[in-house]
Each structure stands twice: as structure tokens, then as C-alpha cells.
């Protein structure tokens, strides 16, 4: 699963804190692992990568954390099901 989000350089500490929350939740639930986060130095694009055997179960665990983070407002989530993908925008009002 990949999450594309916008950020500002001042958000780096908040991104690290979010990474720790996500990694802990994923490990506790036993649904996969948090991969490396990609932050473009020359722009405001960031990507979180998460891996697990069931993207729906992985999103069940991390979705509430993503929705609670102001950094992830209007982030784009892509779930990978083998060769098929599902992409949607998540936001703080409870929608996907």
C-alpha cells in the first residue's frame, strides 16, 4: 500500500512521529510492516509505503491513524492487489 501526501519542510518531525505510530500499530496487529518513507527534497511530495499480505486488513489498521493526522488530509491511498490497484483519497471527515 502506498500513501501519497503533501508536506512542508517544517512537517518533518510530525512525519517521523506518524511513522512511529503507524509502525507500532502495524506490528501490534501483525498485518505487515512499514517500509521506507520517501520525501522529495525539491518539492512537497511524500510517500509512505506499507507492506502486508492483505491490503484491506492493513488499511483497517492504519486508516484511522491516517485520518487522525492533519498531515494526511486529502492524501491518496493506493492498495495493491497483485496486478490490480485501488486508489482513493482519504480525509479527516470520516470518508474513505
C-alpha atoms as a PDB file:
ATOM      1  CA  UNK A   1       0.000   0.000   0.000  1.00  0.00           C
ATOM      2  CA  UNK A   2       1.227   3.482  -0.823  1.00  0.00           C
ATOM      3  CA  UNK A   3       0.064   6.808   0.605  1.00  0.00           C
ATOM      4  CA  UNK A   4       0.908   9.965  -1.341  1.00  0.00           C
ATOM      5  CA  UNK A   5       0.690  13.174   0.688  1.00  0.00           C
ATOM      6  CA  UNK A   6       1.695  16.837   0.572  1.00  0.00           C
ATOM      7  CA  UNK A   7       4.007  18.253   3.205  1.00  0.00           C
ATOM      8  CA  UNK A   8       6.092  21.277   4.062  1.00  0.00           C
ATOM      9  CA  UNK A   9       9.695  21.046   5.296  1.00  0.00           C
ATOM     10  CA  UNK A  10       8.555  22.150   8.770  1.00  0.00           C
ATOM     11  CA  UNK A  11       6.439  18.940   8.953  1.00  0.00           C
ATOM     12  CA  UNK A  12       9.371  16.504   9.030  1.00  0.00           C
ATOM     13  CA  UNK A  13       9.215  15.902  12.790  1.00  0.00           C
ATOM     14  CA  UNK A  14       5.471  15.274  12.541  1.00  0.00           C
ATOM     15  CA  UNK A  15       6.075  12.820   9.688  1.00  0.00           C
ATOM     16  CA  UNK A  16       8.558  10.889  11.848  1.00  0.00           C
ATOM     17  CA  UNK A  17       6.053  10.763  14.723  1.00  0.00           C
ATOM     18  CA  UNK A  18       3.379   9.477  12.323  1.00  0.00           C
ATOM     19  CA  UNK A  19       5.776   6.813  11.046  1.00  0.00           C
ATOM     20  CA  UNK A  20       6.299   5.578  14.610  1.00  0.00           C
ATOM     21  CA  UNK A  21       2.539   5.415  15.239  1.00  0.00           C
ATOM     22  CA  UNK A  22       1.947   3.518  12.003  1.00  0.00           C
ATOM     23  CA  UNK A  23       4.826   1.085  12.559  1.00  0.00           C
ATOM     24  CA  UNK A  24       3.640   0.315  16.101  1.00  0.00           C
ATOM     25  CA  UNK A  25       0.032  -0.265  15.035  1.00  0.00           C
ATOM     26  CA  UNK A  26       1.036  -2.468  12.084  1.00  0.00           C
ATOM     27  CA  UNK A  27       3.362  -4.549  14.261  1.00  0.00           C
ATOM     28  CA  UNK A  28       0.824  -4.905  17.098  1.00  0.00           C
ATOM     29  CA  UNK A  29      -1.871  -6.042  14.651  1.00  0.00           C
ATOM     30  CA  UNK A  30       0.504  -8.378  12.817  1.00  0.00           C
ATOM     31  CA  UNK A  31      -0.659  -7.152   9.401  1.00  0.00           C
ATOM     32  CA  UNK A  32       2.660  -6.324   7.764  1.00  0.00           C
ATOM     33  CA  UNK A  33       5.352  -3.706   8.026  1.00  0.00           C
ATOM     34  CA  UNK A  34       6.046  -0.047   7.373  1.00  0.00           C
ATOM     35  CA  UNK A  35       8.559   0.459   4.578  1.00  0.00           C
ATOM     36  CA  UNK A  36      10.782   3.436   3.895  1.00  0.00           C
ATOM     37  CA  UNK A  37       9.149   6.847   3.638  1.00  0.00           C
ATOM     38  CA  UNK A  38      10.044   8.853   0.548  1.00  0.00           C
ATOM     39  CA  UNK A  39      10.162  12.621   0.947  1.00  0.00           C
ATOM     40  CA  UNK A  40      11.096  14.685  -2.074  1.00  0.00           C
ATOM     41  CA  UNK A  41      13.606  17.300  -1.018  1.00  0.00           C
ATOM     42  CA  UNK A  42      12.926  19.554  -4.003  1.00  0.00           C
ATOM     43  CA  UNK A  43       9.143  19.556  -3.583  1.00  0.00           C
ATOM     44  CA  UNK A  44       6.349  18.807  -1.199  1.00  0.00           C
ATOM     45  CA  UNK A  45       5.546  15.233  -2.267  1.00  0.00           C
ATOM     46  CA  UNK A  46       5.802  12.484   0.306  1.00  0.00           C
ATOM     47  CA  UNK A  47       5.099   8.765   0.089  1.00  0.00           C
ATOM     48  CA  UNK A  48       4.514   6.227   2.852  1.00  0.00           C
ATOM     49  CA  UNK A  49       4.956   2.581   1.875  1.00  0.00           C
ATOM     50  CA  UNK A  50       3.376  -0.262   3.828  1.00  0.00           C
ATOM     51  CA  UNK A  51       3.572  -3.949   3.017  1.00  0.00           C
ATOM     52  CA  UNK A  52       1.403  -6.863   4.051  1.00  0.00           C
ATOM     53  CA  UNK A  53      -0.421  -9.871   2.633  1.00  0.00           C
ATOM     54  CA  UNK A  54      -3.898  -8.270   2.874  1.00  0.00           C
ATOM     55  CA  UNK A  55      -4.178  -4.605   1.837  1.00  0.00           C
ATOM     56  CA  UNK A  56      -7.728  -4.332   3.168  1.00  0.00           C
ATOM     57  CA  UNK A  57      -6.713  -5.542   6.626  1.00  0.00           C
ATOM     58  CA  UNK A  58      -3.654  -3.287   6.541  1.00  0.00           C
ATOM     59  CA  UNK A  59      -5.867  -0.282   5.767  1.00  0.00           C
ATOM     60  CA  UNK A  60      -8.275  -1.249   8.576  1.00  0.00           C
ATOM     61  CA  UNK A  61      -5.352  -0.832  10.970  1.00  0.00           C
ATOM     62  CA  UNK A  62      -3.711   2.290   9.524  1.00  0.00           C
ATOM     63  CA  UNK A  63      -6.783   4.095   8.138  1.00  0.00           C
ATOM     64  CA  UNK A  64      -7.877   5.592  11.482  1.00  0.00           C
ATOM     65  CA  UNK A  65      -4.324   6.802  12.141  1.00  0.00           C
ATOM     66  CA  UNK A  66      -4.077   8.385   8.701  1.00  0.00           C
ATOM     67  CA  UNK A  67      -7.462  10.070   9.110  1.00  0.00           C
ATOM     68  CA  UNK A  68      -6.482  11.460  12.519  1.00  0.00           C
ATOM     69  CA  UNK A  69      -3.345  13.125  11.134  1.00  0.00           C
ATOM     70  CA  UNK A  70      -3.682  16.630   9.773  1.00  0.00           C
ATOM     71  CA  UNK A  71      -0.694  15.817   7.516  1.00  0.00           C
ATOM     72  CA  UNK A  72      -2.710  13.136   5.760  1.00  0.00           C
ATOM     73  CA  UNK A  73      -5.739  15.294   4.908  1.00  0.00           C
ATOM     74  CA  UNK A  74      -6.604  14.583   1.276  1.00  0.00           C
ATOM     75  CA  UNK A  75      -3.819  12.032   0.935  1.00  0.00           C
ATOM     76  CA  UNK A  76      -4.113   9.498  -1.870  1.00  0.00           C
ATOM     77  CA  UNK A  77      -4.070   5.839  -0.843  1.00  0.00           C
ATOM     78  CA  UNK A  78      -3.266   3.098  -3.342  1.00  0.00           C
ATOM     79  CA  UNK A  79      -3.898  -0.501  -2.339  1.00  0.00           C
ATOM     80  CA  UNK A  80      -2.175  -3.150  -4.438  1.00  0.00           C
ATOM     81  CA  UNK A  81      -3.891  -6.499  -5.070  1.00  0.00           C
ATOM     82  CA  UNK A  82      -1.328  -8.243  -7.227  1.00  0.00           C
ATOM     83  CA  UNK A  83      -1.657  -6.577 -10.633  1.00  0.00           C
ATOM     84  CA  UNK A  84      -4.863  -4.720  -9.706  1.00  0.00           C
ATOM     85  CA  UNK A  85      -4.874  -1.473  -7.705  1.00  0.00           C
ATOM     86  CA  UNK A  86      -7.489   0.609  -5.918  1.00  0.00           C
ATOM     87  CA  UNK A  87      -6.803   4.315  -5.357  1.00  0.00           C
ATOM     88  CA  UNK A  88      -8.848   6.742  -3.283  1.00  0.00           C
ATOM     89  CA  UNK A  89      -8.496   9.978  -1.328  1.00  0.00           C
ATOM     90  CA  UNK A  90      -8.790   9.864   2.427  1.00  0.00           C
ATOM     91  CA  UNK A  91      -9.797  12.801   4.566  1.00  0.00           C
ATOM     92  CA  UNK A  92     -10.500  13.715   8.154  1.00  0.00           C
ATOM     93  CA  UNK A  93     -14.298  13.854   7.935  1.00  0.00           C
ATOM     94  CA  UNK A  94     -14.581  10.067   8.076  1.00  0.00           C
ATOM     95  CA  UNK A  95     -14.820   9.456   4.356  1.00  0.00           C
ATOM     96  CA  UNK A  96     -12.548   6.803   2.997  1.00  0.00           C
END
